[in-house]
PDB file of N, CA and C in Angstrom:
ATOM      1  N   MET A   1      -7.622   2.451   5.145  1.00  0.00           N
ATOM      2  CA  MET A   1      -6.744   3.431   4.592  1.00  0.00           C
ATOM      3  C   MET A   1      -6.431   3.056   3.156  1.00  0.00           C
ATOM      4  N   GLU A   2      -6.157   4.040   2.339  1.00  0.00           N
ATOM      5  CA  GLU A   2      -5.861   3.798   0.935  1.00  0.00           C
ATOM      6  C   GLU A   2      -4.364   3.621   0.745  1.00  0.00           C
ATOM      7  N   ILE A   3      -4.004   2.668  -0.092  1.00  0.00           N
ATOM      8  CA  ILE A   3      -2.614   2.407  -0.446  1.00  0.00           C
ATOM      9  C   ILE A   3      -2.497   2.540  -1.957  1.00  0.00           C
ATOM     10  N   ARG A   4      -1.500   3.297  -2.406  1.00  0.00           N
ATOM     11  CA  ARG A   4      -1.224   3.442  -3.837  1.00  0.00           C
ATOM     12  C   ARG A   4       0.214   3.025  -4.078  1.00  0.00           C
ATOM     13  N   ILE A   5       0.416   2.164  -5.065  1.00  0.00           N
ATOM     14  CA  ILE A   5       1.756   1.697  -5.411  1.00  0.00           C
ATOM     15  C   ILE A   5       1.963   1.907  -6.902  1.00  0.00           C
ATOM     16  N   GLY A   6       3.010   2.648  -7.246  1.00  0.00           N
ATOM     17  CA  GLY A   6       3.373   2.836  -8.646  1.00  0.00           C
ATOM     18  C   GLY A   6       4.280   1.704  -9.078  1.00  0.00           C
ATOM     19  N   ILE A   7       3.962   1.090 -10.206  1.00  0.00           N
ATOM     20  CA  ILE A   7       4.752  -0.025 -10.714  1.00  0.00           C
ATOM     21  C   ILE A   7       5.353   0.395 -12.052  1.00  0.00           C
ATOM     22  N   ALA A   8       6.686   0.344 -12.141  1.00  0.00           N
ATOM     23  CA  ALA A   8       7.399   0.772 -13.340  1.00  0.00           C
ATOM     24  C   ALA A   8       6.922  -0.010 -14.553  1.00  0.00           C
ATOM     25  N   ASN A   9       6.823   0.683 -15.685  1.00  0.00           N
ATOM     26  CA  ASN A   9       6.391   0.090 -16.954  1.00  0.00           C
ATOM     27  C   ASN A   9       5.022  -0.566 -16.854  1.00  0.00           C
ATOM     28  N   SER A  10       4.190  -0.068 -15.966  1.00  0.00           N
ATOM     29  CA  SER A  10       2.864  -0.629 -15.774  1.00  0.00           C
ATOM     30  C   SER A  10       1.951   0.475 -15.259  1.00  0.00           C
ATOM     31  N   ARG A  11       0.918   0.061 -14.591  1.00  0.00           N
ATOM     32  CA  ARG A  11      -0.040   1.010 -14.038  1.00  0.00           C
ATOM     33  C   ARG A  11       0.212   1.228 -12.560  1.00  0.00           C
ATOM     34  N   GLU A  12      -0.715   1.929 -11.975  1.00  0.00           N
ATOM     35  CA  GLU A  12      -0.694   2.189 -10.542  1.00  0.00           C
ATOM     36  C   GLU A  12      -1.702   1.268  -9.876  1.00  0.00           C
ATOM     37  N   LEU A  13      -1.321   0.674  -8.755  1.00  0.00           N
ATOM     38  CA  LEU A  13      -2.199  -0.195  -7.994  1.00  0.00           C
ATOM     39  C   LEU A  13      -2.727   0.602  -6.814  1.00  0.00           C
ATOM     40  N   SER A  14      -4.045   0.641  -6.647  1.00  0.00           N
ATOM     41  CA  SER A  14      -4.668   1.395  -5.569  1.00  0.00           C
ATOM     42  C   SER A  14      -5.748   0.543  -4.934  1.00  0.00           C
ATOM     43  N   PHE A  15      -5.713   0.447  -3.584  1.00  0.00           N
ATOM     44  CA  PHE A  15      -6.715  -0.339  -2.880  1.00  0.00           C
ATOM     45  C   PHE A  15      -6.824   0.104  -1.436  1.00  0.00           C
ATOM     46  N   GLU A  16      -7.911  -0.294  -0.788  1.00  0.00           N
ATOM     47  CA  GLU A  16      -8.158  -0.004   0.623  1.00  0.00           C
ATOM     48  C   GLU A  16      -7.663  -1.175   1.462  1.00  0.00           C
ATOM     49  N   SER A  17      -7.046  -0.869   2.603  1.00  0.00           N
ATOM     50  CA  SER A  17      -6.528  -1.903   3.482  1.00  0.00           C
ATOM     51  C   SER A  17      -7.003  -1.665   4.909  1.00  0.00           C
ATOM     52  N   ASN A  18      -7.175  -2.752   5.656  1.00  0.00           N
ATOM     53  CA  ASN A  18      -7.538  -2.645   7.071  1.00  0.00           C
ATOM     54  C   ASN A  18      -6.315  -2.607   7.973  1.00  0.00           C
ATOM     55  N   GLU A  19      -5.117  -2.788   7.401  1.00  0.00           N
ATOM     56  CA  GLU A  19      -3.889  -2.748   8.181  1.00  0.00           C
ATOM     57  C   GLU A  19      -3.544  -1.306   8.545  1.00  0.00           C
ATOM     58  N   THR A  20      -2.740  -1.149   9.587  1.00  0.00           N
ATOM     59  CA  THR A  20      -2.306   0.192   9.986  1.00  0.00           C
ATOM     60  C   THR A  20      -1.235   0.685   9.018  1.00  0.00           C
ATOM     61  N   ALA A  21      -1.031   1.985   9.004  1.00  0.00           N
ATOM     62  CA  ALA A  21      -0.013   2.574   8.131  1.00  0.00           C
ATOM     63  C   ALA A  21       1.367   2.031   8.480  1.00  0.00           C
ATOM     64  N   ASP A  22       1.658   1.894   9.768  1.00  0.00           N
ATOM     65  CA  ASP A  22       2.959   1.377  10.188  1.00  0.00           C
ATOM     66  C   ASP A  22       3.169  -0.066   9.745  1.00  0.00           C
ATOM     67  N   ALA A  23       2.127  -0.890   9.803  1.00  0.00           N
ATOM     68  CA  ALA A  23       2.235  -2.287   9.379  1.00  0.00           C
ATOM     69  C   ALA A  23       2.526  -2.384   7.888  1.00  0.00           C
ATOM     70  N   VAL A  24       1.878  -1.544   7.090  1.00  0.00           N
ATOM     71  CA  VAL A  24       2.099  -1.552   5.638  1.00  0.00           C
ATOM     72  C   VAL A  24       3.516  -1.088   5.326  1.00  0.00           C
ATOM     73  N   LYS A  25       3.956  -0.014   5.982  1.00  0.00           N
ATOM     74  CA  LYS A  25       5.319   0.489   5.762  1.00  0.00           C
ATOM     75  C   LYS A  25       6.352  -0.562   6.136  1.00  0.00           C
ATOM     76  N   THR A  26       6.147  -1.231   7.253  1.00  0.00           N
ATOM     77  CA  THR A  26       7.084  -2.263   7.701  1.00  0.00           C
ATOM     78  C   THR A  26       7.132  -3.428   6.727  1.00  0.00           C
ATOM     79  N   THR A  27       5.986  -3.861   6.239  1.00  0.00           N
ATOM     80  CA  THR A  27       5.922  -4.976   5.291  1.00  0.00           C
ATOM     81  C   THR A  27       6.681  -4.645   4.011  1.00  0.00           C
ATOM     82  N   ILE A  28       6.451  -3.464   3.466  1.00  0.00           N
ATOM     83  CA  ILE A  28       7.095  -3.075   2.217  1.00  0.00           C
ATOM     84  C   ILE A  28       8.582  -2.838   2.418  1.00  0.00           C
ATOM     85  N   ALA A  29       8.949  -2.140   3.503  1.00  0.00           N
ATOM     86  CA  ALA A  29      10.362  -1.860   3.765  1.00  0.00           C
ATOM     87  C   ALA A  29      11.158  -3.138   3.996  1.00  0.00           C
ATOM     88  N   SER A  30      10.604  -4.092   4.725  1.00  0.00           N
ATOM     89  CA  SER A  30      11.334  -5.335   4.979  1.00  0.00           C
ATOM     90  C   SER A  30      11.504  -6.152   3.702  1.00  0.00           C
ATOM     91  N   ALA A  31      10.503  -6.124   2.820  1.00  0.00           N
ATOM     92  CA  ALA A  31      10.619  -6.825   1.540  1.00  0.00           C
ATOM     93  C   ALA A  31      11.704  -6.189   0.674  1.00  0.00           C
ATOM     94  N   LEU A  32      11.761  -4.862   0.658  1.00  0.00           N
ATOM     95  CA  LEU A  32      12.782  -4.173  -0.131  1.00  0.00           C
ATOM     96  C   LEU A  32      14.176  -4.383   0.462  1.00  0.00           C
ATOM     97  N   ASP A  33      14.299  -4.299   1.784  1.00  0.00           N
ATOM     98  CA  ASP A  33      15.591  -4.457   2.448  1.00  0.00           C
ATOM     99  C   ASP A  33      16.149  -5.869   2.316  1.00  0.00           C
ATOM    100  N   SER A  34      15.272  -6.863   2.340  1.00  0.00           N
ATOM    101  CA  SER A  34      15.731  -8.255   2.292  1.00  0.00           C
ATOM    102  C   SER A  34      16.020  -8.730   0.868  1.00  0.00           C
ATOM    103  N   GLY A  35      15.633  -7.930  -0.122  1.00  0.00           N
ATOM    104  CA  GLY A  35      15.855  -8.320  -1.509  1.00  0.00           C
ATOM    105  C   GLY A  35      14.835  -9.333  -2.016  1.00  0.00           C
ATOM    106  N   ALA A  36      13.677  -9.379  -1.373  1.00  0.00           N
ATOM    107  CA  ALA A  36      12.617 -10.306  -1.787  1.00  0.00           C
ATOM    108  C   ALA A  36      12.170  -9.967  -3.212  1.00  0.00           C
ATOM    109  N   ALA A  37      11.731 -10.976  -3.941  1.00  0.00           N
ATOM    110  CA  ALA A  37      11.294 -10.782  -5.322  1.00  0.00           C
ATOM    111  C   ALA A  37       9.955 -10.053  -5.398  1.00  0.00           C
ATOM    112  N   TYR A  38       9.121 -10.230  -4.374  1.00  0.00           N
ATOM    113  CA  TYR A  38       7.818  -9.579  -4.367  1.00  0.00           C
ATOM    114  C   TYR A  38       7.374  -9.319  -2.929  1.00  0.00           C
ATOM    115  N   VAL A  39       6.386  -8.450  -2.801  1.00  0.00           N
ATOM    116  CA  VAL A  39       5.765  -8.176  -1.508  1.00  0.00           C
ATOM    117  C   VAL A  39       4.289  -8.555  -1.619  1.00  0.00           C
ATOM    118  N   THR A  40       3.754  -9.140  -0.566  1.00  0.00           N
ATOM    119  CA  THR A  40       2.365  -9.574  -0.553  1.00  0.00           C
ATOM    120  C   THR A  40       1.545  -8.640   0.326  1.00  0.00           C
ATOM    121  N   LEU A  41       0.459  -8.104  -0.224  1.00  0.00           N
ATOM    122  CA  LEU A  41      -0.436  -7.207   0.514  1.00  0.00           C
ATOM    123  C   LEU A  41      -1.875  -7.687   0.333  1.00  0.00           C
ATOM    124  N   THR A  42      -2.712  -7.436   1.333  1.00  0.00           N
ATOM    125  CA  THR A  42      -4.110  -7.849   1.292  1.00  0.00           C
ATOM    126  C   THR A  42      -5.005  -6.634   1.448  1.00  0.00           C
ATOM    127  N   ASP A  43      -6.061  -6.550   0.638  1.00  0.00           N
ATOM    128  CA  ASP A  43      -6.970  -5.412   0.732  1.00  0.00           C
ATOM    129  C   ASP A  43      -8.076  -5.672   1.758  1.00  0.00           C
ATOM    130  N   ALA A  44      -8.954  -4.692   1.920  1.00  0.00           N
ATOM    131  CA  ALA A  44     -10.025  -4.760   2.916  1.00  0.00           C
ATOM    132  C   ALA A  44     -11.050  -5.842   2.606  1.00  0.00           C
ATOM    133  N   LYS A  45     -11.135  -6.264   1.352  1.00  0.00           N
ATOM    134  CA  LYS A  45     -12.105  -7.294   0.965  1.00  0.00           C
ATOM    135  C   LYS A  45     -11.501  -8.695   0.982  1.00  0.00           C
ATOM    136  N   GLY A  46     -10.211  -8.801   1.291  1.00  0.00           N
ATOM    137  CA  GLY A  46      -9.563 -10.096   1.365  1.00  0.00           C
ATOM    138  C   GLY A  46      -8.784 -10.508   0.131  1.00  0.00           C
ATOM    139  N   ALA A  47      -8.760  -9.682  -0.895  1.00  0.00           N
ATOM    140  CA  ALA A  47      -7.981  -9.995  -2.100  1.00  0.00           C
ATOM    141  C   ALA A  47      -6.496  -9.807  -1.798  1.00  0.00           C
ATOM    142  N   THR A  48      -5.664 -10.660  -2.387  1.00  0.00           N
ATOM    143  CA  THR A  48      -4.223 -10.607  -2.162  1.00  0.00           C
ATOM    144  C   THR A  48      -3.512 -10.108  -3.411  1.00  0.00           C
ATOM    145  N   TYR A  49      -2.541  -9.212  -3.208  1.00  0.00           N
ATOM    146  CA  TYR A  49      -1.757  -8.646  -4.303  1.00  0.00           C
ATOM    147  C   TYR A  49      -0.299  -9.027  -4.117  1.00  0.00           C
ATOM    148  N   LEU A  50       0.327  -9.543  -5.162  1.00  0.00           N
ATOM    149  CA  LEU A  50       1.755  -9.816  -5.182  1.00  0.00           C
ATOM    150  C   LEU A  50       2.393  -8.764  -6.075  1.00  0.00           C
ATOM    151  N   VAL A  51       3.198  -7.893  -5.487  1.00  0.00           N
ATOM    152  CA  VAL A  51       3.800  -6.789  -6.225  1.00  0.00           C
ATOM    153  C   VAL A  51       5.302  -7.044  -6.348  1.00  0.00           C
ATOM    154  N   PRO A  52       5.844  -7.066  -7.570  1.00  0.00           N
ATOM    155  CA  PRO A  52       7.281  -7.273  -7.732  1.00  0.00           C
ATOM    156  C   PRO A  52       8.064  -6.085  -7.171  1.00  0.00           C
ATOM    157  N   THR A  53       8.982  -6.349  -6.267  1.00  0.00           N
ATOM    158  CA  THR A  53       9.709  -5.254  -5.610  1.00  0.00           C
ATOM    159  C   THR A  53      10.621  -4.513  -6.585  1.00  0.00           C
ATOM    160  N   ALA A  54      11.116  -5.191  -7.597  1.00  0.00           N
ATOM    161  CA  ALA A  54      12.005  -4.541  -8.565  1.00  0.00           C
ATOM    162  C   ALA A  54      11.281  -3.457  -9.350  1.00  0.00           C
ATOM    163  N   GLY A  55       9.956  -3.569  -9.465  1.00  0.00           N
ATOM    164  CA  GLY A  55       9.198  -2.613 -10.260  1.00  0.00           C
ATOM    165  C   GLY A  55       8.539  -1.499  -9.469  1.00  0.00           C
ATOM    166  N   ILE A  56       8.705  -1.483  -8.149  1.00  0.00           N
ATOM    167  CA  ILE A  56       8.050  -0.448  -7.334  1.00  0.00           C
ATOM    168  C   ILE A  56       8.733   0.889  -7.560  1.00  0.00           C
ATOM    169  N   SER A  57       7.957   1.880  -8.035  1.00  0.00           N
ATOM    170  CA  SER A  57       8.511   3.217  -8.245  1.00  0.00           C
ATOM    171  C   SER A  57       8.128   4.171  -7.123  1.00  0.00           C
ATOM    172  N   PHE A  58       6.971   3.956  -6.481  1.00  0.00           N
ATOM    173  CA  PHE A  58       6.595   4.733  -5.305  1.00  0.00           C
ATOM    174  C   PHE A  58       5.529   3.991  -4.525  1.00  0.00           C
ATOM    175  N   VAL A  59       5.409   4.349  -3.248  1.00  0.00           N
ATOM    176  CA  VAL A  59       4.363   3.805  -2.386  1.00  0.00           C
ATOM    177  C   VAL A  59       3.772   4.966  -1.606  1.00  0.00           C
ATOM    178  N   GLU A  60       2.460   5.107  -1.676  1.00  0.00           N
ATOM    179  CA  GLU A  60       1.760   6.146  -0.913  1.00  0.00           C
ATOM    180  C   GLU A  60       0.805   5.449   0.048  1.00  0.00           C
ATOM    181  N   VAL A  61       1.006   5.689   1.330  1.00  0.00           N
ATOM    182  CA  VAL A  61       0.168   5.085   2.356  1.00  0.00           C
ATOM    183  C   VAL A  61      -0.666   6.189   2.984  1.00  0.00           C
ATOM    184  N   GLY A  62      -1.994   6.042   2.960  1.00  0.00           N
ATOM    185  CA  GLY A  62      -2.885   7.028   3.556  1.00  0.00           C
ATOM    186  C   GLY A  62      -2.787   7.017   5.072  1.00  0.00           C
ATOM    187  N   THR A  63      -3.541   7.885   5.691  1.00  0.00           N
ATOM    188  CA  THR A  63      -3.540   7.963   7.141  1.00  0.00           C
ATOM    189  C   THR A  63      -4.582   7.024   7.738  1.00  0.00           C
ATOM    190  N   ASP A  64      -4.435   6.746   9.028  1.00  0.00           N
ATOM    191  CA  ASP A  64      -5.383   5.897   9.736  1.00  0.00           C
ATOM    192  C   ASP A  64      -6.629   6.666  10.161  1.00  0.00           C
ATOM    193  N   GLN A  65      -6.624   7.983   9.980  1.00  0.00           N
ATOM    194  CA  GLN A  65      -7.750   8.806  10.411  1.00  0.00           C
ATOM    195  C   GLN A  65      -8.920   8.649   9.454  1.00  0.00           C
ATOM    196  N   SER A  66     -10.124   8.644  10.013  1.00  0.00           N
ATOM    197  CA  SER A  66     -11.310   8.566   9.165  1.00  0.00           C
ATOM    198  C   SER A  66     -11.604   9.943   8.584  1.00  0.00           C
ATOM    199  N   ARG A  67     -12.336   9.947   7.496  1.00  0.00           N
ATOM    200  CA  ARG A  67     -12.689  11.209   6.844  1.00  0.00           C
ATOM    201  C   ARG A  67     -13.770  11.905   7.635  1.00  0.00           C
ATOM    202  N   ARG A  68     -13.687  13.229   7.645  1.00  0.00           N
ATOM    203  CA  ARG A  68     -14.719  14.023   8.299  1.00  0.00           C
ATOM    204  C   ARG A  68     -15.857  14.290   7.326  1.00  0.00           C
ATOM    205  N   VAL A  69     -17.048  14.326   7.847  1.00  0.00           N
ATOM    206  CA  VAL A  69     -18.212  14.581   7.030  1.00  0.00           C
ATOM    207  C   VAL A  69     -18.826  15.886   7.502  1.00  0.00           C
ATOM    208  N   GLY A  70     -19.187  16.734   6.563  1.00  0.00           N
ATOM    209  CA  GLY A  70     -19.829  17.988   6.926  1.00  0.00           C
ATOM    210  C   GLY A  70     -19.021  19.182   6.469  1.00  0.00           C
ATOM    211  N   PHE A  71     -19.433  20.331   6.920  1.00  0.00           N
ATOM    212  CA  PHE A  71     -18.792  21.577   6.528  1.00  0.00           C
ATOM    213  C   PHE A  71     -18.018  22.161   7.698  1.00  0.00           C
ATOM    214  N   VAL A  72     -16.922  22.819   7.387  1.00  0.00           N
ATOM    215  CA  VAL A  72     -16.120  23.487   8.403  1.00  0.00           C
ATOM    216  C   VAL A  72     -16.339  24.981   8.248  1.00  0.00           C
ATOM    217  N   ALA A  73     -16.718  25.638   9.334  1.00  0.00           N
ATOM    218  CA  ALA A  73     -16.985  27.076   9.259  1.00  0.00           C
ATOM    219  C   ALA A  73     -15.789  27.881   9.630  1.00  0.00           C
TER     220      ALA A  73
END
C-alpha cells in the first residue's frame, strides 16, 4: 500500500509499505499521542524513515486492496 506524509516546510514523503493500513495508522497515532519526537516507518524494500512528528501536516494511507487490471464494461 502507498503511504504519503506531508512534512511542513519540506517536501512530501511517499513510499510503498507491506504493513496493513491499520498498523500504519496505529503507529502514527500512538507517536503523535505520546508526544514522541519522531515516528519510524519501514518501506517495502526495507528502508527506514524517521519522520519528525512536529512537522507532520498530513498522512494519507492507501488501501490494502490490490489494483485491478483490465477494462470495466
